[in-house]
């Protein structure tokens, strides 16, 4: 089917000779008017197409940002998981119950005596990842806290500072009293 679109529409019966002539004269008048008045006629189709293209670009940029944030979150999660796996301390099947609060619920962890003392002295911390509680050294817990604060559940500060004017400085109260 060689020929212009106008010829093809006429052959197919979708248009007639009068409509074709009207379209041609309209286009000619518009271009002549534009040349005389130096006005720039805005093609609404082009404006709409540009608007749609800009909206698509914005939507694509938003989706790319979301994907980038999800990838970063996955990378941080993997880093935290690796740090925990490398530095975790064995809890053991101890007989000392250590109670702590997580998500407004009291949880209980059974530990060996050395792990319990490490927690109370601030040498160990409890971290939570993938529905599992693990013990890690405090230094590792601080690195984890920098990446995701919600993973560190219990990290006791070592309070060895004693006030000079404290009248009870000689009477230290252990914080791991067992009743």
Protein backbone atom coordinates (compact mmCIF):
# COMPACT_ATOMS: atom_id res chain seq x y z
CA UNK A 1 0.00 0.00 0.00
CA UNK A 2 2.12 2.84 -1.25
CA UNK A 3 0.92 6.40 -0.98
CA UNK A 4 0.04 8.87 1.67
CA UNK A 5 -2.10 8.12 4.67
CA UNK A 6 -4.81 10.25 3.16
CA UNK A 7 -4.88 8.09 0.00
CA UNK A 8 -4.98 4.93 2.08
CA UNK A 9 -7.93 6.21 4.15
CA UNK A 10 -9.80 7.15 0.97
CA UNK A 11 -9.25 3.70 -0.56
CA UNK A 12 -10.37 1.99 2.61
CA UNK A 13 -13.54 4.07 2.68
CA UNK A 14 -12.81 5.57 6.09
CA UNK A 15 -12.79 9.10 4.74
CA UNK A 16 -14.14 10.97 1.75
CA UNK A 17 -12.65 13.52 -0.66
CA UNK A 18 -14.41 16.46 1.03
CA UNK A 19 -12.98 15.67 4.51
CA UNK A 20 -9.51 15.29 3.04
CA UNK A 21 -9.71 18.66 1.30
CA UNK A 22 -11.01 20.34 4.47
CA UNK A 23 -8.13 18.94 6.54
CA UNK A 24 -5.60 20.06 3.94
CA UNK A 25 -6.98 23.62 3.76
CA UNK A 26 -7.18 23.87 7.54
CA UNK A 27 -3.54 22.86 7.88
CA UNK A 28 -2.51 25.29 5.14
CA UNK A 29 -4.43 28.18 6.78
CA UNK A 30 -2.86 27.45 10.14
CA UNK A 31 0.70 27.40 8.80
CA UNK A 32 0.07 30.61 6.79
CA UNK A 33 -1.36 32.37 9.85
CA UNK A 34 1.58 31.24 11.91
CA UNK A 35 4.09 32.62 9.40
CA UNK A 36 2.33 36.00 9.17
CA UNK A 37 1.83 36.63 12.86
CA UNK A 38 5.05 34.97 14.12
CA UNK A 39 2.95 33.24 16.75
CA UNK A 40 3.87 29.83 17.93
CA UNK A 41 0.95 27.45 17.96
CA UNK A 42 1.16 24.84 20.62
CA UNK A 43 0.29 21.37 19.56
CA UNK A 44 -1.81 20.00 22.41
CA UNK A 45 -0.90 16.43 21.55
CA UNK A 46 2.79 17.19 21.98
CA UNK A 47 2.12 18.93 25.29
CA UNK A 48 0.11 15.97 26.55
CA UNK A 49 2.76 13.51 25.38
CA UNK A 50 5.48 15.49 27.18
CA UNK A 51 3.37 15.62 30.34
CA UNK A 52 2.83 11.84 30.25
CA UNK A 53 6.56 11.32 29.67
CA UNK A 54 7.45 13.51 32.67
CA UNK A 55 4.97 11.66 34.90
CA UNK A 56 6.42 8.33 33.80
CA UNK A 57 9.94 9.58 34.58
CA UNK A 58 8.87 10.68 38.07
CA UNK A 59 7.14 7.35 38.71
CA UNK A 60 10.21 5.45 37.50
CA UNK A 61 12.49 7.52 39.72
CA UNK A 62 10.26 6.83 42.73
CA UNK A 63 10.28 3.10 42.02
CA UNK A 64 14.06 3.13 41.62
CA UNK A 65 14.42 4.91 44.96
CA UNK A 66 12.21 2.31 46.66
CA UNK A 67 14.19 -0.55 45.12
CA UNK A 68 17.45 1.07 46.19
CA UNK A 69 16.20 1.48 49.77
CA UNK A 70 15.03 -2.15 49.86
CA UNK A 71 18.42 -3.32 48.58
CA UNK A 72 20.20 -1.24 51.22
CA UNK A 73 17.94 -2.66 53.95
CA UNK A 74 18.71 -6.20 52.76
CA UNK A 75 22.43 -5.45 52.78
CA UNK A 76 22.27 -4.07 56.33
CA UNK A 77 20.27 -7.11 57.46
CA UNK A 78 22.87 -9.43 55.91
CA UNK A 79 25.70 -7.50 57.60
CA UNK A 80 23.99 -7.74 60.98
CA UNK A 81 23.33 -11.44 60.50
CA UNK A 82 26.98 -12.08 59.60
CA UNK A 83 28.22 -10.07 62.57
CA UNK A 84 25.99 -12.04 64.93
CA UNK A 85 27.00 -15.38 63.45
CA UNK A 86 30.70 -14.56 63.78
CA UNK A 87 30.59 -13.12 67.29
CA UNK A 88 27.79 -14.99 69.05
CA UNK A 89 28.50 -16.43 72.48
CA UNK A 90 27.09 -19.82 73.38
CA UNK A 91 24.14 -19.48 75.74
CA UNK A 92 24.29 -23.08 76.74
CA UNK A 93 21.51 -24.96 78.48
CA UNK A 94 21.87 -23.11 81.72
CA UNK A 95 19.63 -23.11 84.71
CA UNK A 96 19.71 -19.37 85.40
CA UNK A 97 16.69 -17.57 84.00
CA UNK A 98 17.36 -14.10 82.64
CA UNK A 99 14.23 -11.99 82.15
CA UNK A 100 14.09 -9.03 79.78
CA UNK A 101 11.46 -6.98 77.94
CA UNK A 102 11.01 -7.15 74.16
CA UNK A 103 8.05 -5.58 72.35
CA UNK A 104 6.26 -4.88 75.64
CA UNK A 105 6.46 -8.55 76.62
CA UNK A 106 8.65 -10.18 79.23
CA UNK A 107 10.86 -12.84 77.71
CA UNK A 108 12.94 -15.42 79.52
CA UNK A 109 16.29 -16.80 78.45
CA UNK A 110 18.01 -19.67 80.28
CA UNK A 111 21.74 -19.04 80.53
CA UNK A 112 24.87 -20.45 82.06
CA UNK A 113 26.30 -18.62 85.05
CA UNK A 114 29.18 -17.00 83.13
CA UNK A 115 26.79 -15.70 80.44
CA UNK A 116 24.45 -14.32 83.09
CA UNK A 117 27.33 -12.53 84.82
CA UNK A 118 28.56 -11.17 81.48
CA UNK A 119 25.11 -9.70 80.82
CA UNK A 120 24.85 -8.11 84.26
CA UNK A 121 28.37 -6.62 84.07
CA UNK A 122 27.76 -5.17 80.63
CA UNK A 123 30.20 -7.43 78.79
CA UNK A 124 27.51 -9.21 76.77
CA UNK A 125 24.34 -8.05 75.06
CA UNK A 126 21.20 -9.75 73.78
CA UNK A 127 20.36 -9.19 70.11
CA UNK A 128 17.31 -10.30 68.16
CA UNK A 129 17.32 -11.34 64.53
CA UNK A 130 15.04 -13.64 62.54
CA UNK A 131 12.93 -14.65 65.58
CA UNK A 132 16.01 -15.70 67.53
CA UNK A 133 17.83 -14.24 70.53
CA UNK A 134 21.62 -14.39 70.59
CA UNK A 135 24.35 -13.26 72.99
CA UNK A 136 27.14 -11.14 71.54
CA UNK A 137 29.93 -9.03 73.06
CA UNK A 138 29.01 -5.41 73.81
CA UNK A 139 31.39 -4.04 71.14
CA UNK A 140 29.59 -6.04 68.45
CA UNK A 141 26.22 -4.95 69.86
CA UNK A 142 27.27 -1.31 69.48
CA UNK A 143 28.18 -1.91 65.82
CA UNK A 144 24.81 -3.58 65.31
CA UNK A 145 23.07 -0.66 67.05
CA UNK A 146 24.67 1.74 64.55
CA UNK A 147 23.12 -0.20 61.67
CA UNK A 148 19.76 -1.08 63.22
CA UNK A 149 18.87 -0.02 66.72
CA UNK A 150 15.87 -2.35 66.96
CA UNK A 151 18.03 -5.50 66.83
CA UNK A 152 19.75 -4.79 70.16
CA UNK A 153 17.42 -5.80 72.97
CA UNK A 154 19.57 -5.72 76.12
CA UNK A 155 22.90 -3.93 76.38
CA UNK A 156 23.73 -3.05 80.00
CA UNK A 157 26.11 -0.18 80.55
CA UNK A 158 29.07 -0.87 82.79
CA UNK A 159 28.58 1.59 85.63
CA UNK A 160 31.93 1.61 87.43
CA UNK A 161 31.97 5.34 88.16
CA UNK A 162 31.68 6.07 91.87
CA UNK A 163 30.85 9.48 93.22
CA UNK A 164 33.45 10.84 95.69
CA UNK A 165 30.79 12.14 98.08
CA UNK A 166 28.80 8.90 98.08
CA UNK A 167 28.48 7.67 101.69
CA UNK A 168 27.65 4.16 100.48
CA UNK A 169 30.63 3.82 98.12
CA UNK A 170 32.07 1.02 100.26
CA UNK A 171 28.82 -0.96 100.11
CA UNK A 172 28.40 -2.10 96.54
CA UNK A 173 25.07 -3.77 95.77
CA UNK A 174 25.31 -6.55 93.22
CA UNK A 175 22.86 -6.16 90.37
CA UNK A 176 22.49 -9.88 89.81
CA UNK A 177 20.98 -10.85 93.14
CA UNK A 178 19.36 -14.25 93.06
CA UNK A 179 16.49 -14.72 95.47
